[in-house]
């Protein structure tokens, strides 16, 4: 009987110990989840809100202008392949065919190099209040598009007079002007927000002349 009782007490002690160990592990896991888990959830939630706020606060006019420029570039590339109009800036003839030039990012006589619309779209999507750099990038890209379109012989009808060629030239000019204008406006607006009018400093206020009231004695 004594041995049976001792065995029962040992089993009860072992069961109590296992229960306490499991309980301690569970409480530790609960505390870990309550600490680090909440921090991770809070951090991920804050990051999501920040990303969503950046998407909402982008300059929509700049994004529209960059999208129009990308569409004009795609249409010009299609027409240049169909009409076989390579890029000839200041009369330079590049070796190879038009599709090869387009894949290499050299552009054509009717389309800008593909890195330019990509750069304009990335800059437009990163625009927002207090950020003048995306607007400056888009304005520079628009100015380059205008200059590149003007110097191409296809713009002056020296390569083909097909209606699609004229339409591509017109789209390039319009999209370049729109992108340059939108970029300039976005840059000026962001610069105004990033550098608001500062209140006068205490030193400047102290240097201002003050009217002293004369004390009267009765």
N, C-alpha and C. Protein backbone atom coordinates (compact mmCIF):
# COMPACT_ATOMS: atom_id res chain seq x y z
N UNK A 1 0.83 -1.21 0.00
CA UNK A 1 0.00 0.00 0.00
C UNK A 1 0.86 1.26 0.00
N UNK A 2 1.93 1.17 0.76
CA UNK A 2 2.81 2.34 0.83
C UNK A 2 3.47 2.60 -0.52
N UNK A 3 3.86 1.52 -1.18
CA UNK A 3 4.48 1.70 -2.50
C UNK A 3 3.50 2.26 -3.51
N UNK A 4 2.27 1.77 -3.42
CA UNK A 4 1.24 2.29 -4.35
C UNK A 4 0.99 3.77 -4.09
N UNK A 5 0.94 4.16 -2.82
CA UNK A 5 0.73 5.57 -2.49
C UNK A 5 1.89 6.42 -2.94
N UNK A 6 3.10 5.88 -2.74
CA UNK A 6 4.26 6.66 -3.18
C UNK A 6 4.28 6.82 -4.68
N UNK A 7 3.93 5.73 -5.38
CA UNK A 7 3.86 5.85 -6.85
C UNK A 7 2.81 6.87 -7.28
N UNK A 8 1.66 6.86 -6.56
CA UNK A 8 0.61 7.84 -6.90
C UNK A 8 1.05 9.26 -6.64
N UNK A 9 1.76 9.46 -5.54
CA UNK A 9 2.25 10.82 -5.25
C UNK A 9 3.27 11.27 -6.27
N UNK A 10 4.13 10.32 -6.70
CA UNK A 10 5.11 10.67 -7.72
C UNK A 10 4.43 11.04 -9.02
N UNK A 11 3.42 10.27 -9.40
CA UNK A 11 2.68 10.59 -10.62
C UNK A 11 1.98 11.93 -10.53
N UNK A 12 1.39 12.20 -9.36
CA UNK A 12 0.72 13.49 -9.20
C UNK A 12 1.71 14.65 -9.27
N UNK A 13 2.91 14.44 -8.67
CA UNK A 13 3.93 15.50 -8.72
C UNK A 13 4.40 15.73 -10.14
N UNK A 14 4.58 14.59 -10.89
CA UNK A 14 5.00 14.72 -12.29
C UNK A 14 3.94 15.41 -13.12
N UNK A 15 2.68 15.06 -12.90
CA UNK A 15 1.60 15.69 -13.66
C UNK A 15 1.48 17.16 -13.34
N UNK A 16 1.65 17.50 -12.05
CA UNK A 16 1.59 18.92 -11.67
C UNK A 16 2.75 19.68 -12.29
N UNK A 17 3.93 19.06 -12.29
CA UNK A 17 5.08 19.72 -12.90
C UNK A 17 4.91 19.92 -14.38
N UNK A 18 4.40 18.90 -15.08
CA UNK A 18 4.17 19.05 -16.52
C UNK A 18 3.13 20.11 -16.80
N UNK A 19 2.08 20.13 -15.94
CA UNK A 19 1.06 21.16 -16.13
C UNK A 19 1.63 22.55 -15.94
N UNK A 20 2.48 22.73 -14.92
CA UNK A 20 3.09 24.03 -14.69
C UNK A 20 4.02 24.41 -15.83
N UNK A 21 4.77 23.42 -16.34
CA UNK A 21 5.68 23.73 -17.45
C UNK A 21 4.92 24.12 -18.69
N UNK A 22 3.85 23.38 -18.98
CA UNK A 22 3.03 23.74 -20.15
C UNK A 22 2.40 25.10 -19.97
N UNK A 23 1.93 25.37 -18.74
CA UNK A 23 1.33 26.67 -18.48
C UNK A 23 2.33 27.79 -18.61
N UNK A 24 3.56 27.56 -18.14
CA UNK A 24 4.59 28.61 -18.26
C UNK A 24 4.95 28.85 -19.71
N UNK A 25 5.05 27.76 -20.51
CA UNK A 25 5.34 27.92 -21.93
C UNK A 25 4.22 28.68 -22.63
N UNK A 26 2.97 28.32 -22.28
CA UNK A 26 1.84 29.02 -22.90
C UNK A 26 1.80 30.48 -22.53
N UNK A 27 2.07 30.78 -21.24
CA UNK A 27 2.08 32.19 -20.84
C UNK A 27 3.20 32.95 -21.51
N UNK A 28 4.38 32.30 -21.69
CA UNK A 28 5.49 32.96 -22.38
C UNK A 28 5.14 33.23 -23.83
N UNK A 29 4.51 32.24 -24.46
CA UNK A 29 4.08 32.45 -25.86
C UNK A 29 3.06 33.55 -25.95
N UNK A 30 2.14 33.59 -24.96
CA UNK A 30 1.13 34.65 -24.98
C UNK A 30 1.77 36.02 -24.81
N UNK A 31 2.74 36.12 -23.89
CA UNK A 31 3.42 37.40 -23.70
C UNK A 31 4.22 37.80 -24.92
N UNK A 32 4.86 36.83 -25.58
CA UNK A 32 5.62 37.13 -26.79
C UNK A 32 4.71 37.63 -27.91
N UNK A 33 3.58 36.92 -28.05
CA UNK A 33 2.63 37.35 -29.09
C UNK A 33 2.06 38.71 -28.78
N UNK A 34 1.80 38.96 -27.49
CA UNK A 34 1.23 40.25 -27.11
C UNK A 34 2.23 41.38 -27.28
N UNK A 35 3.53 41.08 -27.19
CA UNK A 35 4.55 42.12 -27.34
C UNK A 35 4.99 42.31 -28.77
N UNK A 36 5.80 41.35 -29.27
CA UNK A 36 6.34 41.47 -30.62
C UNK A 36 5.30 41.39 -31.70
N UNK A 37 4.29 40.51 -31.49
CA UNK A 37 3.26 40.37 -32.52
C UNK A 37 2.50 41.67 -32.73
N UNK A 38 2.15 42.32 -31.63
CA UNK A 38 1.43 43.58 -31.75
C UNK A 38 2.30 44.64 -32.42
N UNK A 39 3.59 44.62 -32.09
CA UNK A 39 4.47 45.60 -32.71
C UNK A 39 4.55 45.38 -34.22
N UNK A 40 4.66 44.10 -34.64
CA UNK A 40 4.73 43.82 -36.07
C UNK A 40 3.45 44.21 -36.78
N UNK A 41 2.32 43.87 -36.16
CA UNK A 41 1.03 44.24 -36.78
C UNK A 41 0.89 45.75 -36.86
N UNK A 42 1.31 46.44 -35.79
CA UNK A 42 1.21 47.90 -35.78
C UNK A 42 2.13 48.51 -36.84
N UNK A 43 3.34 47.95 -36.96
CA UNK A 43 4.28 48.47 -37.94
C UNK A 43 3.78 48.23 -39.36
N UNK A 44 3.27 47.02 -39.63
CA UNK A 44 2.76 46.74 -40.97
C UNK A 44 1.53 47.57 -41.29
N UNK A 45 0.68 47.79 -40.28
CA UNK A 45 -0.49 48.64 -40.51
C UNK A 45 -0.11 50.08 -40.81
N UNK A 46 0.90 50.59 -40.08
CA UNK A 46 1.37 51.95 -40.35
C UNK A 46 2.00 52.07 -41.73
N UNK A 47 2.74 51.04 -42.15
CA UNK A 47 3.35 51.07 -43.48
C UNK A 47 2.28 51.06 -44.56
N UNK A 48 1.23 50.26 -44.36
CA UNK A 48 0.14 50.22 -45.34
C UNK A 48 -0.57 51.56 -45.45
N UNK A 49 -0.81 52.19 -44.32
CA UNK A 49 -1.48 53.50 -44.33
C UNK A 49 -0.60 54.53 -45.02
N UNK A 50 0.71 54.46 -44.77
CA UNK A 50 1.61 55.43 -45.41
C UNK A 50 1.64 55.24 -46.91
N UNK A 51 1.70 53.98 -47.37
CA UNK A 51 1.70 53.72 -48.81
C UNK A 51 0.39 54.17 -49.45
N UNK A 52 -0.71 53.89 -48.79
CA UNK A 52 -2.01 54.31 -49.33
C UNK A 52 -2.12 55.82 -49.39
N UNK A 53 -1.59 56.50 -48.38
CA UNK A 53 -1.62 57.97 -48.37
C UNK A 53 -0.77 58.53 -49.51
N UNK A 54 0.38 57.91 -49.78
CA UNK A 54 1.21 58.37 -50.89
C UNK A 54 0.51 58.19 -52.23
N UNK A 55 -0.23 57.10 -52.39
CA UNK A 55 -0.95 56.88 -53.64
C UNK A 55 -2.07 57.90 -53.81
N UNK A 56 -2.75 58.22 -52.71
CA UNK A 56 -3.85 59.17 -52.80
C UNK A 56 -3.34 60.58 -53.08
N UNK A 57 -2.18 60.95 -52.54
CA UNK A 57 -1.69 62.31 -52.62
C UNK A 57 -0.80 62.57 -53.84
N UNK A 58 -0.72 61.64 -54.80
CA UNK A 58 0.08 61.90 -55.99
C UNK A 58 -0.57 62.99 -56.83
N UNK A 59 0.23 63.66 -57.63
CA UNK A 59 -0.27 64.70 -58.52
C UNK A 59 -0.95 64.04 -59.71
N UNK A 60 -2.26 64.09 -59.75
CA UNK A 60 -3.02 63.39 -60.79
C UNK A 60 -2.80 64.00 -62.16
N UNK A 61 -2.62 65.29 -62.22
CA UNK A 61 -2.33 65.92 -63.51
C UNK A 61 -1.01 65.45 -64.09
N UNK A 62 -0.02 65.28 -63.22
CA UNK A 62 1.29 64.80 -63.67
C UNK A 62 1.21 63.34 -64.10
N UNK A 63 0.44 62.53 -63.38
CA UNK A 63 0.26 61.13 -63.77
C UNK A 63 -0.47 61.03 -65.11
N UNK A 64 -1.46 61.88 -65.33
CA UNK A 64 -2.19 61.86 -66.60
C UNK A 64 -1.28 62.27 -67.76
N UNK A 65 -0.44 63.29 -67.55
CA UNK A 65 0.48 63.72 -68.59
C UNK A 65 1.51 62.64 -68.91
N UNK A 66 2.03 61.96 -67.87
CA UNK A 66 2.99 60.88 -68.09
C UNK A 66 2.32 59.70 -68.81
N UNK A 67 1.08 59.41 -68.47
CA UNK A 67 0.36 58.33 -69.16
C UNK A 67 0.13 58.67 -70.63
N UNK A 68 -0.22 59.92 -70.90
CA UNK A 68 -0.39 60.34 -72.29
C UNK A 68 0.90 60.25 -73.09
N UNK A 69 2.01 60.61 -72.45
CA UNK A 69 3.30 60.51 -73.11
C UNK A 69 3.65 59.05 -73.40
N UNK A 70 3.36 58.15 -72.46
CA UNK A 70 3.62 56.73 -72.69
C UNK A 70 2.77 56.20 -73.84
N UNK A 71 1.50 56.62 -73.90
CA UNK A 71 0.66 56.20 -75.02
C UNK A 71 1.14 56.72 -76.36
N UNK A 72 1.58 57.99 -76.39
CA UNK A 72 2.10 58.56 -77.63
C UNK A 72 3.37 57.86 -78.07
N UNK A 73 4.21 57.47 -77.11
CA UNK A 73 5.44 56.75 -77.44
C UNK A 73 5.13 55.38 -78.03
N UNK A 74 4.16 54.68 -77.44
CA UNK A 74 3.79 53.37 -77.96
C UNK A 74 3.20 53.47 -79.37
N UNK A 75 2.35 54.46 -79.59
CA UNK A 75 1.77 54.64 -80.93
C UNK A 75 2.84 55.01 -81.94
N UNK A 76 3.76 55.88 -81.57
CA UNK A 76 4.84 56.26 -82.47
C UNK A 76 5.74 55.08 -82.81
N UNK A 77 5.99 54.20 -81.82
CA UNK A 77 6.81 53.01 -82.10
C UNK A 77 6.11 52.09 -83.09
N UNK A 78 4.80 51.93 -82.94
CA UNK A 78 4.04 51.08 -83.88
C UNK A 78 4.09 51.64 -85.30
N UNK A 79 3.90 52.94 -85.43
CA UNK A 79 3.90 53.55 -86.76
C UNK A 79 5.30 53.52 -87.37
N UNK A 80 6.32 53.74 -86.55
CA UNK A 80 7.68 53.74 -87.08
C UNK A 80 8.09 52.36 -87.58
N UNK A 81 7.64 51.30 -86.91
CA UNK A 81 7.91 49.95 -87.40
C UNK A 81 7.13 49.67 -88.69
N UNK A 82 5.91 50.12 -88.74
CA UNK A 82 5.08 49.87 -89.93
C UNK A 82 5.60 50.64 -91.13
N UNK A 83 5.99 51.89 -90.93
CA UNK A 83 6.45 52.73 -92.04
C UNK A 83 7.97 52.72 -92.21
N UNK A 84 8.68 51.98 -91.35
CA UNK A 84 10.13 51.89 -91.42
C UNK A 84 10.78 53.28 -91.35
N UNK A 85 10.56 53.93 -90.19
CA UNK A 85 11.11 55.28 -89.98
C UNK A 85 12.05 55.21 -88.78
N UNK A 86 13.34 55.06 -89.01
CA UNK A 86 14.29 55.02 -87.90
C UNK A 86 14.57 56.42 -87.37
N UNK A 87 15.20 56.45 -86.24
CA UNK A 87 15.60 57.73 -85.68
C UNK A 87 16.79 58.31 -86.42
N UNK A 88 16.69 59.57 -86.80
CA UNK A 88 17.77 60.25 -87.53
C UNK A 88 18.02 61.63 -86.91
N UNK A 89 18.44 61.66 -85.67
CA UNK A 89 18.72 62.97 -85.06
C UNK A 89 19.90 63.62 -85.73
N UNK A 90 19.74 64.93 -86.05
CA UNK A 90 20.61 65.73 -86.93
C UNK A 90 21.19 64.97 -88.10
N UNK A 91 20.37 64.14 -88.79
CA UNK A 91 20.82 63.47 -90.00
C UNK A 91 21.67 62.24 -89.78
N UNK A 92 21.82 61.73 -88.55
CA UNK A 92 22.64 60.55 -88.28
C UNK A 92 21.83 59.29 -88.57
N UNK A 93 22.41 58.39 -89.34
CA UNK A 93 21.77 57.12 -89.68
C UNK A 93 22.35 56.02 -88.80
N UNK A 94 21.52 55.45 -87.93
CA UNK A 94 21.97 54.37 -87.06
C UNK A 94 21.87 53.04 -87.79
N UNK A 95 22.87 52.17 -87.68
CA UNK A 95 22.77 50.87 -88.33
C UNK A 95 21.75 49.97 -87.65
N UNK A 96 21.16 49.06 -88.43
CA UNK A 96 20.17 48.14 -87.87
C UNK A 96 18.76 48.54 -88.25
N UNK A 97 17.83 47.67 -87.87
CA UNK A 97 16.43 47.91 -88.19
C UNK A 97 15.73 48.64 -87.04
N UNK A 98 14.54 49.14 -87.36
CA UNK A 98 13.79 49.91 -86.37
C UNK A 98 13.41 49.08 -85.14
N UNK A 99 12.93 47.83 -85.28
CA UNK A 99 12.61 47.05 -84.06
C UNK A 99 13.82 46.86 -83.14
N UNK A 100 14.99 46.69 -83.74
CA UNK A 100 16.20 46.55 -82.92
C UNK A 100 16.50 47.84 -82.17
N UNK A 101 16.34 48.96 -82.84
CA UNK A 101 16.56 50.26 -82.18
C UNK A 101 15.60 50.45 -81.00
N UNK A 102 14.36 50.03 -81.19
CA UNK A 102 13.37 50.19 -80.13
C UNK A 102 13.69 49.31 -78.93
N UNK A 103 14.10 48.08 -79.18
CA UNK A 103 14.44 47.18 -78.07
C UNK A 103 15.67 47.66 -77.31
N UNK A 104 16.61 48.26 -78.01
CA UNK A 104 17.83 48.76 -77.37
C UNK A 104 17.63 50.08 -76.64
N UNK A 105 16.44 50.65 -76.74
CA UNK A 105 16.19 51.92 -76.08
C UNK A 105 16.72 53.12 -76.83
N UNK A 106 16.84 53.00 -78.16
CA UNK A 106 17.33 54.12 -78.97
C UNK A 106 16.19 54.95 -79.56
N UNK A 107 14.99 54.45 -79.48
CA UNK A 107 13.86 55.18 -80.04
C UNK A 107 13.80 55.05 -81.55
N UNK A 108 12.96 55.88 -82.16
CA UNK A 108 12.80 55.89 -83.62
C UNK A 108 12.51 57.31 -84.06
N UNK A 109 12.18 57.44 -85.33
CA UNK A 109 11.86 58.78 -85.83
C UNK A 109 10.55 59.31 -85.32
N UNK A 110 9.71 58.43 -84.73
CA UNK A 110 8.38 58.84 -84.26
C UNK A 110 8.13 58.51 -82.80
N UNK A 111 9.14 58.02 -82.11
CA UNK A 111 8.94 57.65 -80.70
C UNK A 111 10.21 57.89 -79.92
N UNK A 112 10.03 58.27 -78.68
CA UNK A 112 11.16 58.48 -77.78
C UNK A 112 11.69 57.14 -77.29
N UNK A 113 12.93 57.08 -76.82
CA UNK A 113 13.44 55.84 -76.22
C UNK A 113 12.58 55.42 -75.04
N UNK A 114 12.36 54.11 -74.90
CA UNK A 114 11.44 53.63 -73.87
C UNK A 114 11.86 53.99 -72.44
N UNK A 115 13.16 54.20 -72.11
CA UNK A 115 13.43 54.63 -70.73
C UNK A 115 12.83 55.99 -70.36
N UNK A 116 12.55 56.83 -71.35
CA UNK A 116 12.00 58.15 -71.03
C UNK A 116 10.57 58.08 -70.49
N UNK A 117 9.63 57.38 -71.16
CA UNK A 117 8.29 57.27 -70.54
C UNK A 117 8.30 56.51 -69.23
N UNK A 118 9.22 55.55 -69.08
CA UNK A 118 9.31 54.84 -67.80
C UNK A 118 9.75 55.79 -66.70
N UNK A 119 10.76 56.60 -66.98
CA UNK A 119 11.23 57.56 -65.97
C UNK A 119 10.15 58.58 -65.64
N UNK A 120 9.42 59.04 -66.66
CA UNK A 120 8.35 60.01 -66.40
C UNK A 120 7.24 59.41 -65.56
N UNK A 121 6.87 58.15 -65.83
CA UNK A 121 5.80 57.53 -65.06
C UNK A 121 6.22 57.26 -63.62
N UNK A 122 7.45 56.80 -63.42
CA UNK A 122 7.94 56.57 -62.05
C UNK A 122 7.98 57.88 -61.27
N UNK A 123 8.46 58.93 -61.92
CA UNK A 123 8.52 60.23 -61.24
C UNK A 123 7.12 60.74 -60.92
N UNK A 124 6.19 60.56 -61.84
CA UNK A 124 4.82 61.04 -61.59
C UNK A 124 4.17 60.28 -60.45
N UNK A 125 4.42 58.97 -60.34
CA UNK A 125 3.83 58.19 -59.26
C UNK A 125 4.45 58.51 -57.91
N UNK A 126 5.64 59.10 -57.92
CA UNK A 126 6.29 59.49 -56.67
C UNK A 126 6.04 60.95 -56.30
N UNK A 127 5.24 61.62 -57.08
CA UNK A 127 4.98 63.03 -56.82
C UNK A 127 4.05 63.17 -55.62
N UNK A 128 4.05 64.35 -55.06
CA UNK A 128 3.20 64.62 -53.91
C UNK A 128 3.50 65.98 -53.33
N UNK A 129 2.77 66.38 -52.30
CA UNK A 129 3.01 67.68 -51.69
C UNK A 129 4.41 67.77 -51.10
N UNK A 130 5.09 68.87 -51.38
CA UNK A 130 6.42 69.08 -50.84
C UNK A 130 7.53 68.33 -51.55
N UNK A 131 7.27 67.78 -52.75
CA UNK A 131 8.28 67.04 -53.50
C UNK A 131 8.42 67.64 -54.90
N UNK A 132 9.30 68.60 -55.09
CA UNK A 132 9.42 69.25 -56.40
C UNK A 132 10.22 68.45 -57.42
N UNK A 133 11.00 67.46 -56.97
CA UNK A 133 11.88 66.74 -57.91
C UNK A 133 11.11 65.96 -58.98
N UNK A 134 10.03 65.23 -58.67
CA UNK A 134 9.30 64.54 -59.75
C UNK A 134 8.78 65.48 -60.83
N UNK A 135 8.31 66.65 -60.45
CA UNK A 135 7.87 67.60 -61.44
C UNK A 135 9.00 68.09 -62.32
N UNK A 136 10.17 68.30 -61.73
CA UNK A 136 11.32 68.73 -62.53
C UNK A 136 11.74 67.66 -63.52
N UNK A 137 11.71 66.40 -63.08
CA UNK A 137 12.07 65.29 -63.98
C UNK A 137 11.11 65.22 -65.16
N UNK A 138 9.82 65.33 -64.89
CA UNK A 138 8.84 65.27 -65.97
C UNK A 138 8.97 66.47 -66.90
N UNK A 139 9.23 67.63 -66.36
CA UNK A 139 9.42 68.81 -67.21
C UNK A 139 10.64 68.65 -68.10
N UNK A 140 11.72 68.10 -67.57
CA UNK A 140 12.92 67.88 -68.38
C UNK A 140 12.66 66.85 -69.48
N UNK A 141 11.96 65.79 -69.15
CA UNK A 141 11.63 64.77 -70.16
C UNK A 141 10.76 65.36 -71.25
N UNK A 142 9.77 66.17 -70.88
CA UNK A 142 8.92 66.81 -71.89
C UNK A 142 9.70 67.73 -72.80
N UNK A 143 10.64 68.48 -72.24
CA UNK A 143 11.46 69.36 -73.07
C UNK A 143 12.35 68.57 -74.03
N UNK A 144 12.89 67.45 -73.56
CA UNK A 144 13.71 66.61 -74.45
C UNK A 144 12.87 66.02 -75.56
N UNK A 145 11.66 65.63 -75.24
CA UNK A 145 10.76 65.08 -76.27
C UNK A 145 10.47 66.12 -77.34
N UNK A 146 10.21 67.33 -76.93
CA UNK A 146 9.95 68.39 -77.91
C UNK A 146 11.16 68.63 -78.79
N UNK A 147 12.33 68.73 -78.17
CA UNK A 147 13.54 68.95 -78.96
C UNK A 147 13.83 67.80 -79.90
N UNK A 148 13.67 66.56 -79.42
CA UNK A 148 13.91 65.41 -80.28
C UNK A 148 12.93 65.30 -81.42
N UNK A 149 11.69 65.68 -81.18
CA UNK A 149 10.69 65.63 -82.25
C UNK A 149 10.96 66.68 -83.32
N UNK A 150 11.40 67.84 -82.91
CA UNK A 150 11.64 68.93 -83.87
C UNK A 150 12.80 68.61 -84.80
N UNK A 151 13.84 67.95 -84.29
CA UNK A 151 15.03 67.72 -85.12
C UNK A 151 14.90 66.49 -86.02
N UNK A 152 13.83 65.72 -85.87
CA UNK A 152 13.67 64.52 -86.71
C UNK A 152 13.18 64.91 -88.10
N UNK A 153 13.78 64.34 -89.16
CA UNK A 153 13.30 64.63 -90.53
C UNK A 153 11.87 64.20 -90.78
N UNK A 154 11.40 63.16 -90.07
CA UNK A 154 10.02 62.70 -90.27
C UNK A 154 9.01 63.75 -89.84
N UNK A 155 9.40 64.62 -88.91
CA UNK A 155 8.47 65.68 -88.47
C UNK A 155 8.17 66.65 -89.59
N UNK A 156 9.12 66.88 -90.48
CA UNK A 156 8.95 67.84 -91.57
C UNK A 156 8.54 67.18 -92.88
N UNK A 157 8.07 65.93 -92.80
CA UNK A 157 7.56 65.25 -93.98
C UNK A 157 8.62 64.82 -94.97
N UNK A 158 9.85 64.62 -94.53
CA UNK A 158 10.92 64.24 -95.45
C UNK A 158 11.07 62.73 -95.60
N UNK A 159 10.35 61.95 -94.84
CA UNK A 159 10.44 60.50 -94.93
C UNK A 159 9.16 59.86 -95.40
N UNK A 160 8.06 60.26 -94.87
CA UNK A 160 6.76 59.70 -95.26
C UNK A 160 5.68 60.72 -94.94
N UNK A 161 4.69 60.78 -95.80
CA UNK A 161 3.56 61.69 -95.61
C UNK A 161 2.28 60.93 -95.31
N UNK A 162 2.41 59.74 -94.76
CA UNK A 162 1.23 58.93 -94.41
C UNK A 162 0.47 59.59 -93.26
N UNK A 163 -0.84 59.40 -93.23
CA UNK A 163 -1.63 60.02 -92.14
C UNK A 163 -1.20 59.55 -90.75
N UNK A 164 -0.80 58.28 -90.63
CA UNK A 164 -0.37 57.78 -89.33
C UNK A 164 0.90 58.48 -88.86
N UNK A 165 1.78 58.81 -89.80
CA UNK A 165 3.01 59.51 -89.43
C UNK A 165 2.69 60.91 -88.91
N UNK A 166 1.80 61.60 -89.60
CA UNK A 166 1.40 62.94 -89.14
C UNK A 166 0.73 62.88 -87.77
N UNK A 167 -0.09 61.84 -87.56
CA UNK A 167 -0.75 61.69 -86.26
C UNK A 167 0.26 61.41 -85.17
N UNK A 168 1.27 60.59 -85.44
CA UNK A 168 2.29 60.29 -84.44
C UNK A 168 3.11 61.53 -84.09
N UNK A 169 3.44 62.32 -85.10
CA UNK A 169 4.19 63.56 -84.84
C UNK A 169 3.37 64.51 -83.97
N UNK A 170 2.09 64.66 -84.30
CA UNK A 170 1.24 65.54 -83.52
C UNK A 170 1.11 65.07 -82.08
N UNK A 171 0.95 63.76 -81.88
CA UNK A 171 0.85 63.23 -80.52
C UNK A 171 2.14 63.45 -79.74
N UNK A 172 3.28 63.31 -80.39
CA UNK A 172 4.54 63.55 -79.70
C UNK A 172 4.66 65.00 -79.25
N UNK A 173 4.29 65.92 -80.12
CA UNK A 173 4.37 67.33 -79.76
C UNK A 173 3.40 67.68 -78.63
N UNK A 174 2.18 67.18 -78.74
CA UNK A 174 1.17 67.48 -77.71
C UNK A 174 1.56 66.87 -76.37
N UNK A 175 1.99 65.61 -76.39
CA UNK A 175 2.37 64.96 -75.13
C UNK A 175 3.60 65.59 -74.50
N UNK A 176 4.55 66.03 -75.33
CA UNK A 176 5.72 66.71 -74.80
C UNK A 176 5.37 68.03 -74.13
N UNK A 177 4.51 68.81 -74.80
CA UNK A 177 4.09 70.09 -74.20
C UNK A 177 3.32 69.86 -72.92
N UNK A 178 2.40 68.87 -72.93
CA UNK A 178 1.59 68.59 -71.74
C UNK A 178 2.46 68.12 -70.58
N UNK A 179 3.44 67.26 -70.87
CA UNK A 179 4.30 66.77 -69.80
C UNK A 179 5.18 67.87 -69.24
N UNK A 180 5.72 68.71 -70.10
CA UNK A 180 6.56 69.81 -69.63
C UNK A 180 5.75 70.80 -68.79
N UNK A 181 4.53 71.12 -69.24
CA UNK A 181 3.69 72.06 -68.50
C UNK A 181 3.26 71.50 -67.16
N UNK A 182 2.81 70.24 -67.17
CA UNK A 182 2.39 69.62 -65.91
C UNK A 182 3.55 69.47 -64.94
N UNK A 183 4.72 69.13 -65.45
CA UNK A 183 5.88 69.02 -64.58
C UNK A 183 6.28 70.33 -63.97
N UNK A 184 6.22 71.38 -64.76
CA UNK A 184 6.57 72.70 -64.23
C UNK A 184 5.58 73.16 -63.16
N UNK A 185 4.30 72.94 -63.41
CA UNK A 185 3.29 73.32 -62.41
C UNK A 185 3.44 72.51 -61.13
N UNK A 186 3.67 71.21 -61.27
CA UNK A 186 3.84 70.37 -60.08
C UNK A 186 5.07 70.77 -59.29
N UNK A 187 6.15 71.12 -59.99
CA UNK A 187 7.37 71.53 -59.30
C UNK A 187 7.16 72.84 -58.55
N UNK A 188 6.50 73.79 -59.17
CA UNK A 188 6.25 75.07 -58.50
C UNK A 188 5.32 74.90 -57.31
N UNK A 189 4.27 74.08 -57.47
CA UNK A 189 3.34 73.87 -56.37
C UNK A 189 4.02 73.15 -55.20
N UNK A 190 4.82 72.15 -55.50
CA UNK A 190 5.52 71.43 -54.44
C UNK A 190 6.57 72.30 -53.76
N UNK A 191 7.24 73.15 -54.53
CA UNK A 191 8.21 74.06 -53.93
C UNK A 191 7.56 75.07 -53.01
N UNK A 192 6.36 75.52 -53.36
CA UNK A 192 5.65 76.46 -52.49
C UNK A 192 5.24 75.79 -51.19
N UNK A 193 4.84 74.50 -51.28
CA UNK A 193 4.43 73.80 -50.07
C UNK A 193 5.63 73.45 -49.19
N UNK A 194 6.74 73.07 -49.84
CA UNK A 194 7.91 72.66 -49.06
C UNK A 194 8.63 73.84 -48.42
N UNK A 195 8.41 75.06 -48.93
CA UNK A 195 9.06 76.25 -48.36
C UNK A 195 7.99 77.29 -48.02
N UNK A 196 7.17 77.03 -47.02
CA UNK A 196 6.14 78.01 -46.66
C UNK A 196 6.76 79.25 -46.05
N UNK A 197 5.95 80.28 -45.98
CA UNK A 197 6.44 81.53 -45.38
C UNK A 197 6.68 81.33 -43.89
N UNK A 198 7.89 81.61 -43.45
CA UNK A 198 8.26 81.41 -42.06
C UNK A 198 7.87 82.63 -41.22
N UNK A 199 7.44 82.40 -39.99
CA UNK A 199 7.12 83.54 -39.12
C UNK A 199 8.39 84.28 -38.73
N UNK A 200 8.30 85.52 -38.41
CA UNK A 200 9.50 86.28 -38.03
C UNK A 200 10.13 85.72 -36.77
N UNK A 201 11.45 85.77 -36.73
CA UNK A 201 12.19 85.25 -35.59
C UNK A 201 12.05 86.21 -34.40
N UNK A 202 12.29 85.70 -33.18
CA UNK A 202 12.23 86.60 -32.01
C UNK A 202 13.23 87.74 -32.07
N UNK A 203 14.41 87.50 -32.69
CA UNK A 203 15.40 88.57 -32.80
C UNK A 203 14.89 89.70 -33.69
N UNK A 204 14.20 89.31 -34.79
CA UNK A 204 13.66 90.34 -35.68
C UNK A 204 12.54 91.11 -35.00
N UNK A 205 11.76 90.41 -34.17
CA UNK A 205 10.68 91.09 -33.46
C UNK A 205 11.25 92.07 -32.42
N UNK A 206 12.34 91.65 -31.78
CA UNK A 206 12.92 92.52 -30.76
C UNK A 206 13.54 93.78 -31.35
N UNK A 207 13.97 93.68 -32.64
CA UNK A 207 14.58 94.86 -33.27
C UNK A 207 13.55 95.86 -33.80
N UNK A 208 12.27 95.46 -33.82
CA UNK A 208 11.25 96.38 -34.32
C UNK A 208 11.07 97.54 -33.34
N UNK A 209 10.83 98.75 -33.86
CA UNK A 209 10.60 99.89 -32.95
C UNK A 209 9.28 99.74 -32.23
N UNK A 210 9.28 99.97 -30.94
CA UNK A 210 8.07 99.90 -30.12
C UNK A 210 7.76 101.26 -29.55
N UNK A 211 6.52 101.55 -29.49
CA UNK A 211 6.09 102.85 -28.94
C UNK A 211 6.01 102.75 -27.42
N UNK A 212 6.66 103.64 -26.78
CA UNK A 212 6.67 103.66 -25.33
C UNK A 212 5.63 104.65 -24.83
N UNK A 213 4.90 104.13 -23.89
CA UNK A 213 3.89 105.01 -23.32
C UNK A 213 4.49 105.79 -22.14
N UNK A 214 4.20 107.06 -22.15
CA UNK A 214 4.68 107.92 -21.07
C UNK A 214 3.78 107.79 -19.86
N UNK A 215 4.42 107.56 -18.76
CA UNK A 215 3.65 107.41 -17.51
C UNK A 215 3.30 108.78 -16.98
N UNK A 216 2.10 108.96 -16.59
CA UNK A 216 1.63 110.26 -16.05
C UNK A 216 1.42 110.08 -14.56
N UNK A 217 1.86 111.07 -13.84
CA UNK A 217 1.68 111.06 -12.38
C UNK A 217 0.60 112.04 -12.02
N UNK A 218 -0.21 111.60 -11.11
CA UNK A 218 -1.27 112.46 -10.67
C UNK A 218 -0.94 113.03 -9.30
